[in-house]
């Protein structure tokens, strides 16, 4: 089998698929990327047995069909170092030859029959999601997961799918991130929708693989996994088995105070207040009074800080303590030029931060006792 292609597209496809290849594994076969050349062109496949990725190599020339295993680390090193734009891959019974310009490499070949099967996207019933909004929703929720939790469902992102809307939700029991995006159903949608929980590792792979083009993606839900098709790339990941908390009950239905804040300056103030904190004293006091937000922190053996931010608030003084890391996580994924709203009940109740585009974040205050 012989394959000729451009180095740039081949390298990009190989990097994408390589994200699914485990860096450490007891199954040496998984350290390879599988190359499939068939009637639909050339496909690269990577998997760690839980998450898998298939990516088509564009603009290839080939005279034969076949399958081969490419050692991921070695081939990636070769592609990065080549300078000629044309790459030729020749596969024989016992070797893989990579040639480009005046460079030639011979790598040992492994039996592709030992590689685990990786399913393609073959579903007729699936959900259609806007790619850019889906990527944004992943970035705005995945940080709130807790992969180390003994409550295993907290290690993933819930996707609640209906023919009209997709809701992504994640929580580590100390904060909750929820975002809504539009959705459509193709074929027969499950009655009442579906609610798969995708592990954070699988979500990271999906987010990295979506690309920058503004198009739709297809998401099919099965009993034990989900499969996502984005252009010529297909990502599959096993699901988290467990029950996700009812996120609706966590979001307060009312509040006493709503304060509008500019994202960029607020984020800067929170980051500054975070400097004078440590593991024993994570709390920062957020005091709203007289048109000013004052952030103050104090840590033994470090010192103290006070940062003030002018705001449009003229109500009674309100003081509430938060872990600044959790507030910063919310602000970090927003447009710095936008506005966010702080909705507060009292100093002991969960507070809600909302953006201007269907993004809700619930955070529990800290006790100062």
Protein backbone atom coordinates (compact mmCIF):
# COMPACT_ATOMS: atom_id res chain seq x y z
CA UNK A 1 0.00 0.00 0.00
CA UNK A 2 1.32 3.45 -0.92
CA UNK A 3 -0.02 6.84 0.08
CA UNK A 4 1.05 10.32 -1.08
CA UNK A 5 -0.22 13.50 0.56
CA UNK A 6 0.65 17.01 1.74
CA UNK A 7 2.67 17.19 4.96
CA UNK A 8 0.57 20.01 6.50
CA UNK A 9 -2.85 18.31 6.35
CA UNK A 10 -1.31 14.96 7.34
CA UNK A 11 0.38 16.51 10.38
CA UNK A 12 -2.81 18.30 11.44
CA UNK A 13 -4.85 15.09 11.17
CA UNK A 14 -2.19 13.09 12.99
CA UNK A 15 -2.04 15.62 15.85
CA UNK A 16 -5.81 15.54 16.20
CA UNK A 17 -6.01 11.75 16.31
CA UNK A 18 -2.97 11.57 18.57
CA UNK A 19 -4.99 13.32 21.29
CA UNK A 20 -6.94 10.07 21.71
CA UNK A 21 -3.79 7.94 22.04
CA UNK A 22 -2.91 7.20 25.69
CA UNK A 23 0.49 8.42 26.91
CA UNK A 24 0.62 5.51 29.35
CA UNK A 25 -1.01 2.15 28.81
CA UNK A 26 -0.37 -1.52 29.44
CA UNK A 27 -1.71 -2.25 25.95
CA UNK A 28 1.15 -1.38 23.62
CA UNK A 29 -1.07 -1.72 20.56
CA UNK A 30 -2.91 1.45 21.65
CA UNK A 31 0.29 3.50 21.30
CA UNK A 32 -0.31 3.38 17.54
CA UNK A 33 -2.52 5.30 15.17
CA UNK A 34 -4.29 3.13 12.62
CA UNK A 35 -4.22 4.17 8.98
CA UNK A 36 -7.14 2.92 6.89
CA UNK A 37 -7.10 3.46 3.13
CA UNK A 38 -10.37 2.56 1.44
CA UNK A 39 -12.98 3.75 -1.04
CA UNK A 40 -13.69 6.89 1.02
CA UNK A 41 -10.04 7.93 1.20
CA UNK A 42 -7.51 7.70 4.01
CA UNK A 43 -8.63 7.68 7.65
CA UNK A 44 -6.49 7.97 10.78
CA UNK A 45 -7.85 6.30 13.94
CA UNK A 46 -6.73 6.67 17.57
CA UNK A 47 -8.22 5.24 20.76
CA UNK A 48 -7.53 4.50 24.42
CA UNK A 49 -10.44 2.00 24.54
CA UNK A 50 -12.73 4.59 26.20
CA UNK A 51 -12.42 7.56 23.83
CA UNK A 52 -11.79 7.27 20.10
CA UNK A 53 -11.25 9.61 17.18
CA UNK A 54 -11.41 9.12 13.40
CA UNK A 55 -10.11 11.81 11.05
CA UNK A 56 -9.94 11.84 7.26
CA UNK A 57 -6.74 12.97 5.54
CA UNK A 58 -7.65 15.35 2.69
CA UNK A 59 -6.19 15.34 -0.84
CA UNK A 60 -4.41 11.98 -0.93
CA UNK A 61 -3.15 9.91 -3.82
CA UNK A 62 -3.16 6.13 -3.55
CA UNK A 63 -3.24 3.09 -5.82
CA UNK A 64 -4.27 0.46 -3.27
CA UNK A 65 -6.38 -0.15 -0.21
CA UNK A 66 -5.10 -1.43 3.10
CA UNK A 67 -4.59 -0.96 6.81
CA UNK A 68 -1.44 -0.20 8.81
CA UNK A 69 -0.41 0.82 12.32
CA UNK A 70 1.78 3.90 12.71
CA UNK A 71 3.72 4.37 15.98
CA UNK A 72 2.31 7.67 17.20
CA UNK A 73 5.30 9.26 18.90
CA UNK A 74 7.83 8.38 16.18
CA UNK A 75 5.65 9.42 13.27
CA UNK A 76 4.73 12.69 14.97
CA UNK A 77 8.44 13.47 15.47
CA UNK A 78 9.13 12.70 11.83
CA UNK A 79 6.32 14.91 10.54
CA UNK A 80 7.42 17.83 12.71
CA UNK A 81 10.99 17.67 11.44
CA UNK A 82 10.32 17.23 7.72
CA UNK A 83 10.75 20.27 5.50
CA UNK A 84 9.46 18.99 2.15
CA UNK A 85 5.70 19.38 1.57
CA UNK A 86 5.14 15.97 -0.08
CA UNK A 87 5.08 12.86 2.12
CA UNK A 88 4.94 9.28 0.85
CA UNK A 89 4.00 6.36 3.08
CA UNK A 90 4.73 2.82 1.84
CA UNK A 91 3.47 -0.16 3.81
CA UNK A 92 4.93 -3.64 3.32
CA UNK A 93 4.41 -6.84 5.26
CA UNK A 94 7.13 -6.06 7.80
CA UNK A 95 7.86 -2.33 7.55
CA UNK A 96 6.50 1.18 7.15
CA UNK A 97 8.50 3.52 4.93
CA UNK A 98 8.08 7.30 5.21
CA UNK A 99 9.80 9.36 2.51
CA UNK A 100 9.87 13.10 1.97
CA UNK A 101 12.42 15.04 -0.09
CA UNK A 102 15.85 13.62 0.77
CA UNK A 103 14.64 11.98 4.01
CA UNK A 104 13.70 8.32 4.42
CA UNK A 105 12.56 6.42 7.52
CA UNK A 106 11.90 2.72 8.02
CA UNK A 107 9.69 1.80 11.01
CA UNK A 108 8.74 -1.66 12.25
CA UNK A 109 5.20 -2.77 11.45
CA UNK A 110 2.65 -4.31 13.83
CA UNK A 111 -0.35 -6.43 12.95
CA UNK A 112 -3.38 -4.10 12.53
CA UNK A 113 -5.69 -7.05 13.23
CA UNK A 114 -4.83 -6.67 16.92
CA UNK A 115 -6.12 -3.09 17.03
CA UNK A 116 -9.52 -2.69 18.74
CA UNK A 117 -12.44 -1.76 16.46
CA UNK A 118 -13.50 1.90 16.39
CA UNK A 119 -17.01 2.62 15.16
CA UNK A 120 -17.77 5.21 12.49
CA UNK A 121 -20.82 7.52 12.54
CA UNK A 122 -23.59 5.46 10.94
CA UNK A 123 -26.67 6.74 12.78
CA UNK A 124 -29.86 7.96 11.11
CA UNK A 125 -31.29 9.39 14.34
CA UNK A 126 -29.19 12.13 15.91
CA UNK A 127 -29.17 15.68 17.24
CA UNK A 128 -27.84 18.67 15.30
CA UNK A 129 -25.95 21.32 17.30
CA UNK A 130 -24.23 24.58 16.27
CA UNK A 131 -20.50 23.86 16.51
CA UNK A 132 -19.27 27.16 17.92
CA UNK A 133 -21.98 27.32 20.58
CA UNK A 134 -21.39 23.68 21.53
CA UNK A 135 -17.66 24.33 21.92
CA UNK A 136 -18.38 27.39 24.04
CA UNK A 137 -20.81 25.41 26.22
CA UNK A 138 -18.15 22.73 26.83
CA UNK A 139 -15.59 25.34 27.87
CA UNK A 140 -18.11 26.96 30.21
CA UNK A 141 -19.03 23.75 32.03
CA UNK A 142 -16.16 21.25 31.95
CA UNK A 143 -14.11 23.04 34.62
CA UNK A 144 -16.91 22.48 37.15
CA UNK A 145 -16.64 18.67 36.96
CA UNK A 146 -14.93 16.63 39.67
CA UNK A 147 -13.08 13.68 38.10
CA UNK A 148 -11.78 12.58 41.53
CA UNK A 149 -15.21 12.41 43.16
CA UNK A 150 -16.42 9.16 44.69
CA UNK A 151 -19.79 10.17 43.22
CA UNK A 152 -18.76 9.11 39.76
CA UNK A 153 -21.46 11.03 37.88
CA UNK A 154 -19.83 14.29 39.00
CA UNK A 155 -16.83 13.43 36.82
CA UNK A 156 -18.74 14.20 33.65
CA UNK A 157 -20.87 16.78 31.88
CA UNK A 158 -24.60 16.15 31.57
CA UNK A 159 -26.08 16.88 28.14
CA UNK A 160 -29.84 17.17 28.29
CA UNK A 161 -31.07 16.90 24.69
CA UNK A 162 -34.49 17.75 23.29
CA UNK A 163 -35.55 18.54 19.69
CA UNK A 164 -35.40 22.27 20.56
CA UNK A 165 -32.54 22.71 23.00
CA UNK A 166 -29.39 21.20 24.47
CA UNK A 167 -28.44 21.93 28.08
CA UNK A 168 -24.95 21.23 29.39
CA UNK A 169 -24.49 21.02 33.17
CA UNK A 170 -21.54 20.18 35.42
CA UNK A 171 -21.01 20.29 39.16
CA UNK A 172 -18.48 19.28 41.81
CA UNK A 173 -21.05 19.89 44.62
CA UNK A 174 -19.49 23.29 45.45
CA UNK A 175 -20.52 25.06 42.25
CA UNK A 176 -22.75 24.38 39.25
CA UNK A 177 -22.30 25.53 35.65
CA UNK A 178 -25.23 25.37 33.22
CA UNK A 179 -25.52 26.57 29.62
CA UNK A 180 -28.31 26.28 27.07
CA UNK A 181 -27.77 26.16 23.30
CA UNK A 182 -30.17 25.54 20.41
CA UNK A 183 -30.58 22.03 18.98
CA UNK A 184 -32.52 20.15 16.31
CA UNK A 185 -33.43 16.49 15.95
CA UNK A 186 -32.77 14.50 12.79
CA UNK A 187 -34.84 11.37 12.37
CA UNK A 188 -36.68 10.06 15.40
CA UNK A 189 -35.81 11.81 18.65
CA UNK A 190 -36.29 9.82 21.90
CA UNK A 191 -39.56 10.63 23.62
CA UNK A 192 -38.84 13.03 26.46
CA UNK A 193 -35.30 13.65 25.26
CA UNK A 194 -32.12 11.98 26.49
CA UNK A 195 -29.57 12.81 29.20
CA UNK A 196 -26.16 11.22 28.64
CA UNK A 197 -23.26 12.04 30.98
CA UNK A 198 -20.01 12.41 29.05
CA UNK A 199 -16.77 12.04 31.07
CA UNK A 200 -14.60 15.15 31.27
CA UNK A 201 -11.83 13.37 29.33
CA UNK A 202 -14.24 12.66 26.48
CA UNK A 203 -15.50 16.24 26.55
CA UNK A 204 -11.95 17.55 26.31
CA UNK A 205 -11.35 15.37 23.26
CA UNK A 206 -14.55 16.57 21.62
CA UNK A 207 -13.75 20.23 22.31
CA UNK A 208 -10.23 19.93 20.88
CA UNK A 209 -11.50 18.19 17.75
CA UNK A 210 -14.30 20.56 16.73
CA UNK A 211 -12.13 22.97 14.75
CA UNK A 212 -12.86 26.63 14.07
CA UNK A 213 -15.31 26.46 11.18
CA UNK A 214 -18.84 27.69 11.82
CA UNK A 215 -20.96 24.66 10.93
CA UNK A 216 -23.25 22.10 12.51
CA UNK A 217 -22.22 18.93 14.26
CA UNK A 218 -24.14 15.69 14.67
CA UNK A 219 -24.43 13.89 18.01
CA UNK A 220 -25.85 10.38 18.34
CA UNK A 221 -26.61 8.86 21.75
CA UNK A 222 -26.35 5.12 22.39
CA UNK A 223 -26.83 3.04 25.53
CA UNK A 224 -23.15 3.16 26.53
CA UNK A 225 -21.56 5.86 24.39
CA UNK A 226 -22.08 8.95 22.26
CA UNK A 227 -20.69 9.58 18.78
CA UNK A 228 -20.05 13.08 17.44
CA UNK A 229 -19.50 13.87 13.76
CA UNK A 230 -17.83 17.19 12.90
CA UNK A 231 -17.07 17.48 9.20
CA UNK A 232 -14.74 14.58 8.35
CA UNK A 233 -13.91 13.90 12.02
CA UNK A 234 -15.78 11.41 14.24
CA UNK A 235 -15.32 11.27 18.01
CA UNK A 236 -16.79 8.58 20.24
CA UNK A 237 -16.65 8.29 24.01
CA UNK A 238 -18.08 5.97 26.61
CA UNK A 239 -20.64 7.41 29.02
CA UNK A 240 -20.43 7.87 32.76
CA UNK A 241 -22.77 5.43 34.44
CA UNK A 242 -24.57 7.01 37.37
CA UNK A 243 -27.23 9.50 38.33
CA UNK A 244 -26.56 13.20 37.83
CA UNK A 245 -28.01 15.57 40.47
CA UNK A 246 -31.16 17.49 39.54
CA UNK A 247 -29.43 20.74 38.60
CA UNK A 248 -32.70 22.68 38.46
CA UNK A 249 -33.20 22.30 42.21
CA UNK A 250 -29.75 23.81 42.85
CA UNK A 251 -30.47 27.09 41.05
CA UNK A 252 -32.22 29.55 43.42
CA UNK A 253 -35.62 30.59 42.09
CA UNK A 254 -35.38 34.12 43.53
CA UNK A 255 -32.86 36.60 44.89
CA UNK A 256 -32.78 39.74 47.03
CA UNK A 257 -30.10 41.69 45.18
CA UNK A 258 -28.97 41.81 41.52
CA UNK A 259 -25.73 43.67 40.72
CA UNK A 260 -24.41 44.25 37.19
CA UNK A 261 -20.63 44.02 36.86
CA UNK A 262 -18.22 44.59 33.93
CA UNK A 263 -16.53 41.25 33.20
CA UNK A 264 -12.99 42.45 32.47
CA UNK A 265 -12.47 44.74 35.48
CA UNK A 266 -14.28 42.29 37.78
CA UNK A 267 -12.05 39.42 36.61
CA UNK A 268 -8.94 41.54 37.18
CA UNK A 269 -10.04 42.44 40.71
CA UNK A 270 -10.76 38.80 41.58
CA UNK A 271 -7.36 37.68 40.29
CA UNK A 272 -5.66 40.37 42.38
CA UNK A 273 -7.56 39.35 45.51
CA UNK A 274 -6.57 35.73 44.92
CA UNK A 275 -2.86 36.55 45.29
CA UNK A 276 -3.01 36.88 49.06
CA UNK A 277 -4.68 33.53 49.77
CA UNK A 278 -3.38 30.07 50.63
CA UNK A 279 -4.71 26.56 51.18
CA UNK A 280 -5.74 27.37 54.75
CA UNK A 281 -7.29 30.76 53.94
CA UNK A 282 -8.95 30.59 50.54
CA UNK A 283 -11.77 33.00 51.31
CA UNK A 284 -12.09 36.50 49.89
CA UNK A 285 -14.71 38.87 51.32
CA UNK A 286 -16.89 40.50 48.65
CA UNK A 287 -18.42 43.66 50.15
CA UNK A 288 -20.99 45.63 48.13
CA UNK A 289 -21.70 49.14 49.45
CA UNK A 290 -21.88 52.80 48.34
CA UNK A 291 -21.26 52.20 44.65
CA UNK A 292 -18.18 50.07 45.33
CA UNK A 293 -17.26 46.40 45.37
CA UNK A 294 -14.46 45.83 47.87
CA UNK A 295 -12.54 42.54 47.74
CA UNK A 296 -10.43 41.87 50.82
CA UNK A 297 -8.32 38.87 51.76
CA UNK A 298 -5.92 37.97 54.54
CA UNK A 299 -3.63 34.98 55.01
CA UNK A 300 -1.29 34.20 57.89
CA UNK A 301 2.41 34.58 57.00
CA UNK A 302 1.48 36.15 53.65
CA UNK A 303 -0.32 39.41 54.30
CA UNK A 304 -3.53 41.04 53.23
CA UNK A 305 -5.08 42.78 50.25
CA UNK A 306 -7.89 45.21 49.47
CA UNK A 307 -9.10 45.87 45.93
CA UNK A 308 -11.92 48.26 45.09
CA UNK A 309 -14.05 48.34 41.94
CA UNK A 310 -16.63 51.06 41.19
CA UNK A 311 -20.05 49.54 40.47
CA UNK A 312 -23.62 50.68 40.04
CA UNK A 313 -24.97 49.62 43.43
CA UNK A 314 -26.60 51.88 46.00
CA UNK A 315 -28.33 49.36 48.26
CA UNK A 316 -27.50 48.41 51.86
CA UNK A 317 -24.07 46.95 52.61
CA UNK A 318 -23.83 43.29 51.69
CA UNK A 319 -20.84 41.10 52.58
CA UNK A 320 -20.36 37.54 51.38
CA UNK A 321 -17.27 35.29 51.25
CA UNK A 322 -16.27 33.18 48.24
CA UNK A 323 -13.37 31.08 47.08
CA UNK A 324 -11.94 33.43 44.40
CA UNK A 325 -10.86 30.52 42.22
CA UNK A 326 -14.47 29.57 41.62
CA UNK A 327 -15.51 33.13 40.74
CA UNK A 328 -12.50 33.48 38.42
CA UNK A 329 -13.41 30.23 36.62
CA UNK A 330 -16.74 31.76 35.62
CA UNK A 331 -15.30 35.08 34.48
CA UNK A 332 -12.40 33.48 32.60
CA UNK A 333 -14.70 31.96 29.96
CA UNK A 334 -16.64 35.18 29.29
CA UNK A 335 -16.01 38.03 26.87
CA UNK A 336 -14.01 40.62 28.83
CA UNK A 337 -16.04 43.41 27.20
CA UNK A 338 -19.36 41.96 28.35
CA UNK A 339 -21.48 42.24 31.48
CA UNK A 340 -22.29 39.69 34.19
CA UNK A 341 -24.90 39.85 36.90
CA UNK A 342 -24.39 38.79 40.51
CA UNK A 343 -27.65 37.59 42.09
CA UNK A 344 -27.47 37.27 45.86
CA UNK A 345 -29.97 36.16 48.51
CA UNK A 346 -27.84 36.60 51.66
CA UNK A 347 -24.36 35.78 52.97
CA UNK A 348 -25.25 32.17 53.76
CA UNK A 349 -27.12 31.17 50.59
CA UNK A 350 -25.93 30.10 47.17
CA UNK A 351 -25.32 33.01 44.80
CA UNK A 352 -25.90 33.01 41.04
CA UNK A 353 -23.76 34.56 38.33
CA UNK A 354 -25.34 34.91 34.91
CA UNK A 355 -23.99 36.09 31.58
CA UNK A 356 -25.81 37.75 28.71
CA UNK A 357 -26.00 34.54 26.66
CA UNK A 358 -27.82 31.74 28.50
CA UNK A 359 -25.01 30.87 30.90
CA UNK A 360 -25.75 30.32 34.60
CA UNK A 361 -23.26 29.64 37.38
CA UNK A 362 -24.19 28.81 40.98
CA UNK A 363 -21.57 29.14 43.70
CA UNK A 364 -21.73 28.37 47.40
CA UNK A 365 -20.34 30.96 49.86
CA UNK A 366 -17.70 30.07 52.43
CA UNK A 367 -18.19 30.24 56.15
CA UNK A 368 -15.89 32.62 58.01
CA UNK A 369 -16.18 30.71 61.29
